[in-house]
């Protein structure tokens, strides 16, 4: 197989030395509702997604980009229950001092197996000040 993009419908020989990387995308089962959400937070909290009543969200991936000139500001993605009580973090940074005074990064997280999140629960994104821009994309399905 030559280097380049695959069409994601062909099996890939993982021992093939000409393959640079393999990206997996979990396909939603038929009869479910595909979920793709994007959100931005800068100096506060933004709601990324609320799981529909009577459904569960099966989260398959997160893409996270942070653009910051302030490394002392916390950034997180949290899950809260239907009463807005914090349950757990999906992603969290800790304030720290650095020599270069910037903290820009981007990462993609494949969640295998999918993370189940209960009906009525929220996924929220947060930054500690307006000098920190957090962009998040979420993928998955509800059923």
N, C-alpha and C. Protein backbone atom coordinates (compact mmCIF):
# COMPACT_ATOMS: atom_id res chain seq x y z
N UNK A 1 0.85 -1.18 0.00
CA UNK A 1 0.00 0.00 0.00
C UNK A 1 0.89 1.23 0.00
N UNK A 2 0.61 2.17 -0.87
CA UNK A 2 1.39 3.40 -0.94
C UNK A 2 0.96 4.36 0.16
N UNK A 3 1.88 5.28 0.48
CA UNK A 3 1.53 6.30 1.48
C UNK A 3 0.40 7.15 0.95
N UNK A 4 -0.44 7.65 1.85
CA UNK A 4 -1.55 8.49 1.46
C UNK A 4 -2.77 8.16 2.29
N UNK A 5 -3.89 8.70 1.90
CA UNK A 5 -5.13 8.49 2.64
C UNK A 5 -5.82 7.24 2.18
N UNK A 6 -6.29 6.48 3.13
CA UNK A 6 -7.12 5.32 2.82
C UNK A 6 -8.57 5.77 2.80
N UNK A 7 -9.43 4.98 2.21
CA UNK A 7 -10.84 5.36 2.17
C UNK A 7 -11.63 4.80 3.36
N UNK A 8 -10.95 4.19 4.31
CA UNK A 8 -11.54 3.67 5.53
C UNK A 8 -12.50 2.51 5.30
N UNK A 9 -12.53 1.97 4.10
CA UNK A 9 -13.36 0.80 3.85
C UNK A 9 -12.51 -0.43 3.59
N UNK A 10 -11.22 -0.26 3.48
CA UNK A 10 -10.31 -1.36 3.19
C UNK A 10 -9.57 -1.79 4.45
N UNK A 11 -9.33 -3.08 4.56
CA UNK A 11 -8.49 -3.57 5.65
C UNK A 11 -7.06 -3.09 5.42
N UNK A 12 -6.36 -2.78 6.48
CA UNK A 12 -4.99 -2.29 6.38
C UNK A 12 -4.07 -3.29 7.06
N UNK A 13 -3.00 -3.66 6.37
CA UNK A 13 -1.99 -4.54 6.96
C UNK A 13 -1.13 -3.70 7.90
N UNK A 14 -1.29 -3.88 9.20
CA UNK A 14 -0.57 -3.05 10.16
C UNK A 14 0.93 -3.33 10.18
N UNK A 15 1.35 -4.41 9.54
CA UNK A 15 2.79 -4.70 9.45
C UNK A 15 3.42 -4.05 8.22
N UNK A 16 2.59 -3.46 7.35
CA UNK A 16 3.09 -2.81 6.13
C UNK A 16 3.93 -1.60 6.50
N UNK A 17 5.19 -1.60 6.15
CA UNK A 17 6.12 -0.53 6.54
C UNK A 17 5.92 0.75 5.76
N UNK A 18 5.08 0.73 4.71
CA UNK A 18 4.83 1.96 3.95
C UNK A 18 3.66 2.76 4.51
N UNK A 19 2.97 2.22 5.51
CA UNK A 19 1.84 2.92 6.12
C UNK A 19 2.36 3.82 7.23
N UNK A 20 2.10 5.13 7.12
CA UNK A 20 2.55 6.09 8.13
C UNK A 20 1.79 5.94 9.44
N UNK A 21 0.48 5.88 9.35
CA UNK A 21 -0.35 5.83 10.55
C UNK A 21 -1.72 5.27 10.17
N UNK A 22 -2.41 4.80 11.18
CA UNK A 22 -3.77 4.30 11.00
C UNK A 22 -4.66 5.05 11.97
N UNK A 23 -5.72 5.62 11.45
CA UNK A 23 -6.68 6.33 12.29
C UNK A 23 -7.96 5.51 12.33
N UNK A 24 -8.48 5.29 13.51
CA UNK A 24 -9.71 4.53 13.63
C UNK A 24 -10.86 5.48 13.91
N UNK A 25 -11.97 5.24 13.27
CA UNK A 25 -13.18 6.01 13.51
C UNK A 25 -14.27 5.01 13.83
N UNK A 26 -14.83 5.10 15.02
CA UNK A 26 -15.88 4.18 15.41
C UNK A 26 -17.18 4.59 14.75
N UNK A 27 -17.77 3.69 14.00
CA UNK A 27 -19.02 3.98 13.30
C UNK A 27 -20.19 3.76 14.25
N UNK A 28 -21.15 4.68 14.21
CA UNK A 28 -22.35 4.54 15.04
C UNK A 28 -23.18 3.37 14.52
N UNK A 29 -23.74 2.58 15.42
CA UNK A 29 -24.60 1.48 14.99
C UNK A 29 -25.83 2.02 14.26
N UNK A 30 -26.39 1.23 13.35
CA UNK A 30 -27.58 1.68 12.63
C UNK A 30 -28.73 1.86 13.61
N UNK A 31 -29.59 2.83 13.33
CA UNK A 31 -30.72 3.12 14.20
C UNK A 31 -30.41 4.04 15.36
N UNK A 32 -29.18 4.55 15.42
CA UNK A 32 -28.80 5.48 16.48
C UNK A 32 -28.65 6.88 15.91
N UNK A 33 -28.51 7.86 16.79
CA UNK A 33 -28.33 9.25 16.36
C UNK A 33 -26.87 9.63 16.48
N UNK A 34 -26.26 9.94 15.33
CA UNK A 34 -24.86 10.37 15.32
C UNK A 34 -24.75 11.73 16.00
N UNK A 35 -23.70 11.93 16.81
CA UNK A 35 -23.49 13.19 17.52
C UNK A 35 -22.12 13.75 17.15
N UNK A 36 -22.11 14.98 16.62
CA UNK A 36 -20.89 15.74 16.39
C UNK A 36 -21.14 17.13 16.96
N UNK A 37 -20.38 17.53 17.94
CA UNK A 37 -20.56 18.84 18.57
C UNK A 37 -19.23 19.58 18.60
N UNK A 38 -19.30 20.90 18.45
CA UNK A 38 -18.13 21.77 18.55
C UNK A 38 -18.45 22.89 19.53
N UNK A 39 -17.46 23.27 20.33
CA UNK A 39 -17.67 24.36 21.28
C UNK A 39 -16.39 25.10 21.57
N UNK A 40 -16.56 26.33 22.05
CA UNK A 40 -15.42 27.19 22.38
C UNK A 40 -15.68 27.81 23.75
N UNK A 41 -14.63 27.88 24.56
CA UNK A 41 -14.69 28.59 25.84
C UNK A 41 -13.48 29.51 25.92
N UNK A 42 -13.70 30.70 26.45
CA UNK A 42 -12.62 31.67 26.67
C UNK A 42 -12.99 32.50 27.89
N UNK A 43 -12.43 32.15 29.03
CA UNK A 43 -12.71 32.89 30.25
C UNK A 43 -14.05 32.55 30.85
N UNK A 44 -14.38 31.29 30.94
CA UNK A 44 -15.63 30.87 31.53
C UNK A 44 -16.00 29.47 31.10
N UNK A 45 -17.27 29.12 31.31
CA UNK A 45 -17.77 27.79 31.02
C UNK A 45 -18.75 27.83 29.86
N UNK A 46 -18.64 26.86 28.96
CA UNK A 46 -19.59 26.70 27.85
C UNK A 46 -20.14 25.28 27.86
N UNK A 47 -21.41 25.15 27.53
CA UNK A 47 -22.04 23.84 27.42
C UNK A 47 -21.72 23.26 26.05
N UNK A 48 -21.11 22.09 26.01
CA UNK A 48 -20.80 21.43 24.75
C UNK A 48 -21.95 20.53 24.31
N UNK A 49 -22.52 19.76 25.25
CA UNK A 49 -23.58 18.83 24.88
C UNK A 49 -24.35 18.39 26.13
N UNK A 50 -25.67 18.23 25.98
CA UNK A 50 -26.51 17.60 27.00
C UNK A 50 -27.07 16.32 26.41
N UNK A 51 -26.92 15.21 27.11
CA UNK A 51 -27.41 13.92 26.63
C UNK A 51 -28.94 13.92 26.67
N UNK A 52 -29.56 13.53 25.57
CA UNK A 52 -31.02 13.56 25.43
C UNK A 52 -31.70 12.65 26.45
N UNK A 53 -32.91 13.05 26.86
CA UNK A 53 -33.71 12.27 27.80
C UNK A 53 -34.00 10.89 27.21
N UNK A 54 -33.82 9.88 28.03
CA UNK A 54 -34.08 8.51 27.60
C UNK A 54 -32.97 7.89 26.77
N UNK A 55 -31.87 8.60 26.60
CA UNK A 55 -30.75 8.13 25.78
C UNK A 55 -29.47 8.08 26.61
N UNK A 56 -28.48 7.39 26.08
CA UNK A 56 -27.11 7.45 26.59
C UNK A 56 -26.23 7.91 25.45
N UNK A 57 -25.23 8.71 25.77
CA UNK A 57 -24.24 9.13 24.77
C UNK A 57 -23.08 8.14 24.84
N UNK A 58 -22.66 7.67 23.68
CA UNK A 58 -21.47 6.83 23.57
C UNK A 58 -20.43 7.67 22.84
N UNK A 59 -19.53 8.26 23.61
CA UNK A 59 -18.53 9.19 23.08
C UNK A 59 -17.36 8.39 22.51
N UNK A 60 -17.02 8.69 21.24
CA UNK A 60 -15.96 7.94 20.56
C UNK A 60 -14.70 8.76 20.32
N UNK A 61 -14.79 10.08 20.48
CA UNK A 61 -13.59 10.87 20.25
C UNK A 61 -13.72 12.31 20.69
N UNK A 62 -12.57 12.90 20.97
CA UNK A 62 -12.45 14.33 21.31
C UNK A 62 -11.29 14.91 20.52
N UNK A 63 -11.49 16.10 19.99
CA UNK A 63 -10.39 16.88 19.45
C UNK A 63 -10.31 18.14 20.30
N UNK A 64 -9.13 18.44 20.81
CA UNK A 64 -8.94 19.55 21.74
C UNK A 64 -7.85 20.46 21.22
N UNK A 65 -8.13 21.76 21.15
CA UNK A 65 -7.11 22.74 20.77
C UNK A 65 -7.11 23.85 21.82
N UNK A 66 -5.92 24.19 22.30
CA UNK A 66 -5.77 25.25 23.30
C UNK A 66 -4.82 26.29 22.73
N UNK A 67 -5.27 27.54 22.74
CA UNK A 67 -4.44 28.66 22.31
C UNK A 67 -4.36 29.61 23.49
N UNK A 68 -3.16 29.73 24.07
CA UNK A 68 -3.06 30.47 25.32
C UNK A 68 -1.77 31.25 25.42
N UNK A 69 -1.89 32.45 25.95
CA UNK A 69 -0.72 33.24 26.31
C UNK A 69 -0.54 33.24 27.82
N UNK A 70 -1.41 32.51 28.51
CA UNK A 70 -1.39 32.50 29.98
C UNK A 70 -1.35 31.06 30.48
N UNK A 71 -0.19 30.60 30.88
CA UNK A 71 -0.05 29.22 31.36
C UNK A 71 -0.51 29.05 32.80
N UNK A 72 -0.92 30.13 33.45
CA UNK A 72 -1.39 30.02 34.83
C UNK A 72 -2.89 29.74 34.91
N UNK A 73 -3.55 29.64 33.77
CA UNK A 73 -5.00 29.45 33.75
C UNK A 73 -5.37 27.98 33.54
N UNK A 74 -6.27 27.45 34.37
CA UNK A 74 -6.71 26.06 34.18
C UNK A 74 -7.64 25.91 32.98
N UNK A 75 -7.66 24.72 32.42
CA UNK A 75 -8.53 24.36 31.31
C UNK A 75 -9.08 22.97 31.62
N UNK A 76 -10.39 22.76 31.38
CA UNK A 76 -10.90 21.41 31.58
C UNK A 76 -12.15 21.14 30.75
N UNK A 77 -12.42 19.85 30.58
CA UNK A 77 -13.65 19.35 30.00
C UNK A 77 -14.23 18.43 31.06
N UNK A 78 -15.43 18.75 31.53
CA UNK A 78 -16.00 17.98 32.64
C UNK A 78 -17.37 17.42 32.28
N UNK A 79 -17.76 16.40 33.03
CA UNK A 79 -19.09 15.81 32.92
C UNK A 79 -19.81 16.11 34.22
N UNK A 80 -21.05 16.66 34.08
CA UNK A 80 -21.86 17.00 35.25
C UNK A 80 -23.21 16.31 35.12
N UNK A 81 -23.78 15.92 36.26
CA UNK A 81 -25.07 15.23 36.22
C UNK A 81 -26.21 16.21 35.98
N UNK A 82 -27.45 15.68 35.99
CA UNK A 82 -28.62 16.51 35.68
C UNK A 82 -28.84 17.63 36.68
N UNK A 83 -28.19 17.58 37.85
CA UNK A 83 -28.28 18.65 38.85
C UNK A 83 -27.06 19.56 38.83
N UNK A 84 -26.28 19.50 37.76
CA UNK A 84 -25.05 20.29 37.59
C UNK A 84 -24.00 20.00 38.65
N UNK A 85 -23.98 18.77 39.15
CA UNK A 85 -22.96 18.35 40.11
C UNK A 85 -21.84 17.65 39.34
N UNK A 86 -20.61 18.12 39.55
CA UNK A 86 -19.45 17.57 38.86
C UNK A 86 -19.33 16.07 39.12
N UNK A 87 -19.08 15.29 38.06
CA UNK A 87 -18.89 13.85 38.19
C UNK A 87 -17.44 13.44 37.92
N UNK A 88 -16.87 13.92 36.80
CA UNK A 88 -15.48 13.59 36.48
C UNK A 88 -14.99 14.47 35.33
N UNK A 89 -13.67 14.49 35.16
CA UNK A 89 -13.04 15.21 34.06
C UNK A 89 -12.77 14.26 32.90
N UNK A 90 -13.00 14.75 31.69
CA UNK A 90 -12.55 14.05 30.49
C UNK A 90 -11.14 14.51 30.12
N UNK A 91 -10.82 15.77 30.48
CA UNK A 91 -9.52 16.36 30.18
C UNK A 91 -9.30 17.51 31.15
N UNK A 92 -8.07 17.65 31.63
CA UNK A 92 -7.79 18.73 32.58
C UNK A 92 -6.32 19.10 32.49
N UNK A 93 -6.04 20.41 32.49
CA UNK A 93 -4.66 20.88 32.62
C UNK A 93 -4.52 21.53 33.98
N UNK A 94 -3.30 21.59 34.45
CA UNK A 94 -3.00 22.21 35.73
C UNK A 94 -2.19 23.46 35.48
N UNK A 95 -2.52 24.59 36.12
CA UNK A 95 -1.72 25.80 35.93
C UNK A 95 -0.25 25.55 36.27
N UNK A 96 0.63 26.12 35.45
CA UNK A 96 2.05 25.97 35.71
C UNK A 96 2.80 27.14 35.09
N UNK A 97 3.97 27.39 35.59
CA UNK A 97 4.83 28.42 35.01
C UNK A 97 5.73 27.77 33.97
N UNK A 98 5.95 28.46 32.86
CA UNK A 98 6.84 27.94 31.83
C UNK A 98 7.81 29.02 31.41
N UNK A 99 8.86 28.62 30.75
CA UNK A 99 9.86 29.58 30.30
C UNK A 99 9.39 30.37 29.08
N UNK A 100 8.60 29.73 28.22
CA UNK A 100 8.21 30.42 26.99
C UNK A 100 6.92 31.22 27.12
N UNK A 101 6.23 31.13 28.25
CA UNK A 101 5.02 31.91 28.53
C UNK A 101 3.90 31.66 27.53
N UNK A 102 3.83 30.47 26.98
CA UNK A 102 2.70 30.13 26.12
C UNK A 102 2.40 28.65 26.26
N UNK A 103 1.17 28.28 25.99
CA UNK A 103 0.77 26.88 26.12
C UNK A 103 -0.20 26.53 25.00
N UNK A 104 0.28 26.48 23.78
CA UNK A 104 -0.55 26.12 22.65
C UNK A 104 -0.40 24.63 22.38
N UNK A 105 -1.52 23.97 22.16
CA UNK A 105 -1.46 22.55 21.84
C UNK A 105 -2.75 22.10 21.18
N UNK A 106 -2.65 20.98 20.49
CA UNK A 106 -3.82 20.34 19.91
C UNK A 106 -3.63 18.84 20.04
N UNK A 107 -4.70 18.15 20.37
CA UNK A 107 -4.61 16.70 20.43
C UNK A 107 -5.93 16.06 20.07
N UNK A 108 -5.84 14.86 19.56
CA UNK A 108 -7.01 14.08 19.18
C UNK A 108 -7.01 12.81 20.03
N UNK A 109 -8.16 12.51 20.62
CA UNK A 109 -8.27 11.34 21.49
C UNK A 109 -9.35 10.41 20.93
N UNK A 110 -8.95 9.21 20.53
CA UNK A 110 -9.91 8.17 20.16
C UNK A 110 -10.30 7.44 21.44
N UNK A 111 -11.60 7.29 21.66
CA UNK A 111 -12.08 6.64 22.89
C UNK A 111 -12.61 5.26 22.51
N UNK A 112 -11.81 4.25 22.81
CA UNK A 112 -12.14 2.88 22.45
C UNK A 112 -11.97 2.01 23.70
N UNK A 113 -13.00 1.36 24.19
CA UNK A 113 -14.37 1.40 23.72
C UNK A 113 -15.01 2.75 24.05
N UNK A 114 -16.15 3.07 23.42
CA UNK A 114 -16.79 4.35 23.67
C UNK A 114 -17.13 4.57 25.15
N UNK A 115 -17.03 5.83 25.58
CA UNK A 115 -17.36 6.23 26.95
C UNK A 115 -18.86 6.50 27.03
N UNK A 116 -19.58 5.79 27.90
CA UNK A 116 -21.02 5.99 28.05
C UNK A 116 -21.28 7.11 29.05
N UNK A 117 -22.15 8.04 28.65
CA UNK A 117 -22.55 9.15 29.52
C UNK A 117 -24.08 9.13 29.60
N UNK A 118 -24.59 9.25 30.81
CA UNK A 118 -26.00 9.05 31.14
C UNK A 118 -26.91 10.19 30.65
N UNK A 119 -28.18 9.85 30.42
CA UNK A 119 -29.18 10.84 29.99
C UNK A 119 -29.23 12.04 30.93
N UNK A 120 -29.41 13.22 30.34
CA UNK A 120 -29.53 14.44 31.12
C UNK A 120 -28.22 15.03 31.60
N UNK A 121 -27.13 14.29 31.46
CA UNK A 121 -25.83 14.80 31.91
C UNK A 121 -25.25 15.74 30.87
N UNK A 122 -24.43 16.69 31.35
CA UNK A 122 -23.82 17.71 30.50
C UNK A 122 -22.32 17.48 30.35
N UNK A 123 -21.82 17.85 29.18
CA UNK A 123 -20.38 17.95 28.97
C UNK A 123 -20.09 19.43 28.83
N UNK A 124 -19.23 19.95 29.72
CA UNK A 124 -18.93 21.38 29.75
C UNK A 124 -17.44 21.62 29.56
N UNK A 125 -17.13 22.75 28.94
CA UNK A 125 -15.73 23.13 28.73
C UNK A 125 -15.47 24.44 29.46
N UNK A 126 -14.24 24.59 29.99
CA UNK A 126 -13.94 25.73 30.87
C UNK A 126 -12.51 26.20 30.68
N UNK A 127 -12.33 27.52 30.70
CA UNK A 127 -11.00 28.12 30.82
C UNK A 127 -11.05 29.17 31.92
N UNK A 128 -9.92 29.38 32.58
CA UNK A 128 -9.85 30.27 33.73
C UNK A 128 -9.84 31.75 33.40
N UNK A 129 -9.48 32.14 32.18
CA UNK A 129 -9.55 33.55 31.81
C UNK A 129 -9.69 33.72 30.31
N UNK A 130 -10.04 34.94 29.89
CA UNK A 130 -10.33 35.22 28.49
C UNK A 130 -9.10 35.12 27.59
N UNK A 131 -7.90 35.09 28.17
CA UNK A 131 -6.69 34.95 27.38
C UNK A 131 -6.40 33.52 26.95
N UNK A 132 -7.29 32.61 27.33
CA UNK A 132 -7.13 31.19 26.98
C UNK A 132 -8.33 30.76 26.15
N UNK A 133 -8.08 30.31 24.93
CA UNK A 133 -9.14 29.85 24.04
C UNK A 133 -9.09 28.33 23.96
N UNK A 134 -10.18 27.68 24.34
CA UNK A 134 -10.29 26.22 24.28
C UNK A 134 -11.34 25.87 23.23
N UNK A 135 -10.94 25.12 22.22
CA UNK A 135 -11.86 24.62 21.19
C UNK A 135 -11.95 23.11 21.32
N UNK A 136 -13.18 22.59 21.35
CA UNK A 136 -13.38 21.15 21.54
C UNK A 136 -14.40 20.64 20.52
N UNK A 137 -14.09 19.51 19.93
CA UNK A 137 -15.03 18.78 19.07
C UNK A 137 -15.24 17.40 19.68
N UNK A 138 -16.48 16.97 19.71
CA UNK A 138 -16.85 15.69 20.30
C UNK A 138 -17.55 14.86 19.24
N UNK A 139 -17.29 13.55 19.21
CA UNK A 139 -18.01 12.66 18.31
C UNK A 139 -18.53 11.46 19.08
N UNK A 140 -19.61 10.89 18.58
CA UNK A 140 -20.19 9.71 19.21
C UNK A 140 -21.59 9.48 18.68
N UNK A 141 -22.39 8.77 19.47
CA UNK A 141 -23.78 8.55 19.11
C UNK A 141 -24.62 8.43 20.37
N UNK A 142 -25.94 8.64 20.19
CA UNK A 142 -26.90 8.45 21.28
C UNK A 142 -27.86 7.35 20.89
N UNK A 143 -28.19 6.55 21.89
CA UNK A 143 -29.22 5.51 21.68
C UNK A 143 -29.92 5.23 22.99
